[in-house]
Structure formats: C-alpha cells, structure tokens
Amino acid sequence: MKIALLSLALMGQPATIPISDRVPVLNVEAGCKAAVEEAKAHGLTAVESFSDCMKDEKEAQQQVSTLWATSPSDVRNRCEGTASIGVHSYVELLTCLQAAFVAAHPEAVPPRKARDRNKH
C-alpha cells in the first residue's frame, strides 16, 4: 500500500525541469537581422555585420550557460523576461545577469582607480 501511495505521489510530480532552471532558447537570428537592417535604414556607417552580431550572441549564450545555474531563480526569471521582450538577445540576458550579480555582491567589483574616474 505504501509503495502504491509513493508511486502515485511521484507520478503527480512534474517530470520536466522548470523553464527557469534551463537557459532559455532565444531566436537571436531575427534580432541580428533586424538590428542590421535598422542601422542601414538610419544611414549608420559603422554597422555591425550579421555574422558579427551572431558571434556576439553565441559568445553571450556560452557565458550565460556558465552563470545560469548559480543565479537565483528570481534573477533568472526577471532576466529571461527582460531578454524576451522585443528583440530576443543573449547579450541582453547576460547583461542582466551580470548587473544582478554586481548589485548583490558590490564587494566583488574592483574599485575604480582615481585616474579612471577623472577621464569622464
């Protein structure tokens, strides 16, 4: 009887990992295409190429993969929502995760040197 109840209890549990536990899959190709087209439409001369944009997104995705599991679930959920609004971007997702880390661990950020502060 106990085994039957345990089996029923386990069967009622979700068999999949919640979405926030996995790095989200974003359609970055559409965002890169749109960014290149928009820059060209505005007559910008220093336009990032589609391949450069995709390279940046791939590198950001790899960095996100290393940070994702160690980021708190509320941060992952917030950042995933932010990165999924409008143009989907791993660069945006990475920036959000890094900003959340800095906000939670200000002591981990090296202090700026006096000469760096005077440049602005």
Protein backbone atom coordinates (compact mmCIF):
# COMPACT_ATOMS: atom_id res chain seq x y z
CA MET A 1 0.00 0.00 0.00
CA LYS A 2 2.80 2.42 0.92
CA ILE A 3 4.55 1.72 -2.38
CA ALA A 4 1.34 2.40 -4.29
CA LEU A 5 0.87 5.74 -2.49
CA LEU A 6 4.51 6.68 -3.07
CA SER A 7 4.16 5.81 -6.77
CA LEU A 8 1.04 7.95 -7.05
CA ALA A 9 2.77 10.82 -5.27
CA LEU A 10 5.78 10.65 -7.60
CA MET A 11 3.60 10.38 -10.68
CA GLY A 12 1.93 13.63 -9.69
CA GLN A 13 5.26 15.46 -9.74
CA PRO A 14 6.33 17.23 -12.90
CA ALA A 15 8.80 15.15 -14.91
CA THR A 16 10.34 18.15 -16.62
CA ILE A 17 12.68 20.79 -15.31
CA PRO A 18 11.01 24.15 -14.74
CA ILE A 19 11.80 26.59 -17.54
CA SER A 20 13.80 28.89 -15.26
CA ASP A 21 16.24 26.04 -14.48
CA ARG A 22 17.37 25.87 -18.12
CA VAL A 23 18.99 28.55 -20.21
CA PRO A 24 16.20 29.90 -22.41
CA VAL A 25 16.32 29.33 -26.14
CA LEU A 26 16.16 32.70 -27.87
CA ASN A 27 15.69 33.43 -31.58
CA VAL A 28 18.68 35.74 -31.94
CA GLU A 29 18.86 35.47 -35.74
CA ALA A 30 15.77 37.61 -36.15
CA GLY A 31 17.18 40.20 -33.77
CA CYS A 32 20.51 40.37 -35.56
CA LYS A 33 18.82 40.71 -38.95
CA ALA A 34 16.56 43.46 -37.60
CA ALA A 35 19.48 45.33 -36.00
CA VAL A 36 21.50 45.33 -39.22
CA GLU A 37 18.51 46.45 -41.31
CA GLU A 38 17.57 49.20 -38.86
CA ALA A 39 21.13 50.54 -38.76
CA LYS A 40 21.28 50.60 -42.56
CA ALA A 41 17.87 52.29 -42.76
CA HIS A 42 19.12 55.07 -40.49
CA GLY A 43 22.21 55.56 -42.63
CA LEU A 44 24.69 54.50 -39.97
CA THR A 45 28.12 53.86 -41.44
CA ALA A 46 29.62 51.70 -38.67
CA VAL A 47 27.09 48.91 -38.98
CA GLU A 48 27.79 45.63 -37.20
CA SER A 49 27.51 42.78 -39.68
CA PHE A 50 25.01 39.97 -39.25
CA SER A 51 27.85 37.49 -38.69
CA ASP A 52 29.46 39.72 -36.03
CA CYS A 53 26.10 40.06 -34.29
CA MET A 54 25.59 36.29 -34.31
CA LYS A 55 29.14 35.78 -32.99
CA ASP A 56 28.42 38.18 -30.11
CA GLU A 57 25.16 36.36 -29.35
CA LYS A 58 26.88 32.94 -29.38
CA GLU A 59 29.61 34.16 -27.02
CA ALA A 60 27.00 35.67 -24.71
CA GLN A 61 24.99 32.43 -24.78
CA GLN A 62 28.08 30.49 -23.67
CA GLN A 63 28.69 32.93 -20.80
CA VAL A 64 25.02 32.79 -19.80
CA SER A 65 25.28 28.99 -19.68
CA THR A 66 28.01 29.22 -17.04
CA LEU A 67 26.17 31.82 -14.92
CA TRP A 68 22.63 30.45 -15.19
CA ALA A 69 22.79 27.64 -12.63
CA THR A 70 24.40 29.85 -9.98
CA SER A 71 21.98 32.75 -10.42
CA PRO A 72 18.97 32.90 -8.07
CA SER A 73 15.68 31.83 -9.67
CA ASP A 74 14.08 35.27 -9.22
CA VAL A 75 17.00 36.84 -11.10
CA ARG A 76 16.78 34.20 -13.85
CA ASN A 77 13.05 34.79 -14.23
CA ARG A 78 13.42 38.58 -14.33
CA CYS A 79 16.33 38.49 -16.77
CA GLU A 80 14.65 35.94 -19.01
CA GLY A 81 11.60 38.19 -19.19
CA THR A 82 13.74 41.22 -20.00
CA ALA A 83 15.71 39.39 -22.71
CA SER A 84 12.50 38.08 -24.28
CA ILE A 85 10.84 41.47 -24.73
CA GLY A 86 11.09 42.78 -28.27
CA VAL A 87 14.32 41.54 -29.84
CA HIS A 88 15.49 38.34 -28.16
CA SER A 89 19.13 38.62 -27.14
CA TYR A 90 21.62 36.59 -25.10
CA VAL A 91 23.70 39.77 -24.83
CA GLU A 92 20.76 41.41 -23.00
CA LEU A 93 20.30 38.30 -20.85
CA LEU A 94 24.00 38.25 -19.94
CA THR A 95 23.99 41.97 -19.11
CA CYS A 96 21.00 41.48 -16.82
CA LEU A 97 22.61 38.53 -15.01
CA GLN A 98 25.88 40.43 -14.58
CA ALA A 99 24.09 43.55 -13.29
CA ALA A 100 22.15 41.46 -10.78
CA PHE A 101 25.39 39.86 -9.58
CA VAL A 102 27.08 43.24 -9.13
CA ALA A 103 24.04 44.58 -7.26
CA ALA A 104 24.05 41.58 -4.92
CA HIS A 105 27.85 41.50 -4.47
CA PRO A 106 29.21 45.07 -4.67
CA GLU A 107 32.33 43.97 -2.80
CA ALA A 108 33.26 41.74 -5.77
CA VAL A 109 33.64 44.74 -8.08
CA PRO A 110 37.17 46.13 -8.03
CA PRO A 111 37.30 49.82 -7.13
CA ARG A 112 37.99 52.22 -9.97
CA LYS A 113 41.34 53.95 -9.92
CA ALA A 114 41.37 57.72 -9.47
CA ARG A 115 42.70 58.27 -12.98
CA ASP A 116 39.81 56.22 -14.43
CA ARG A 117 37.26 58.37 -12.60
CA ASN A 118 38.84 61.57 -13.93
CA LYS A 119 38.52 60.50 -17.57
CA HIS A 120 34.79 61.27 -17.61
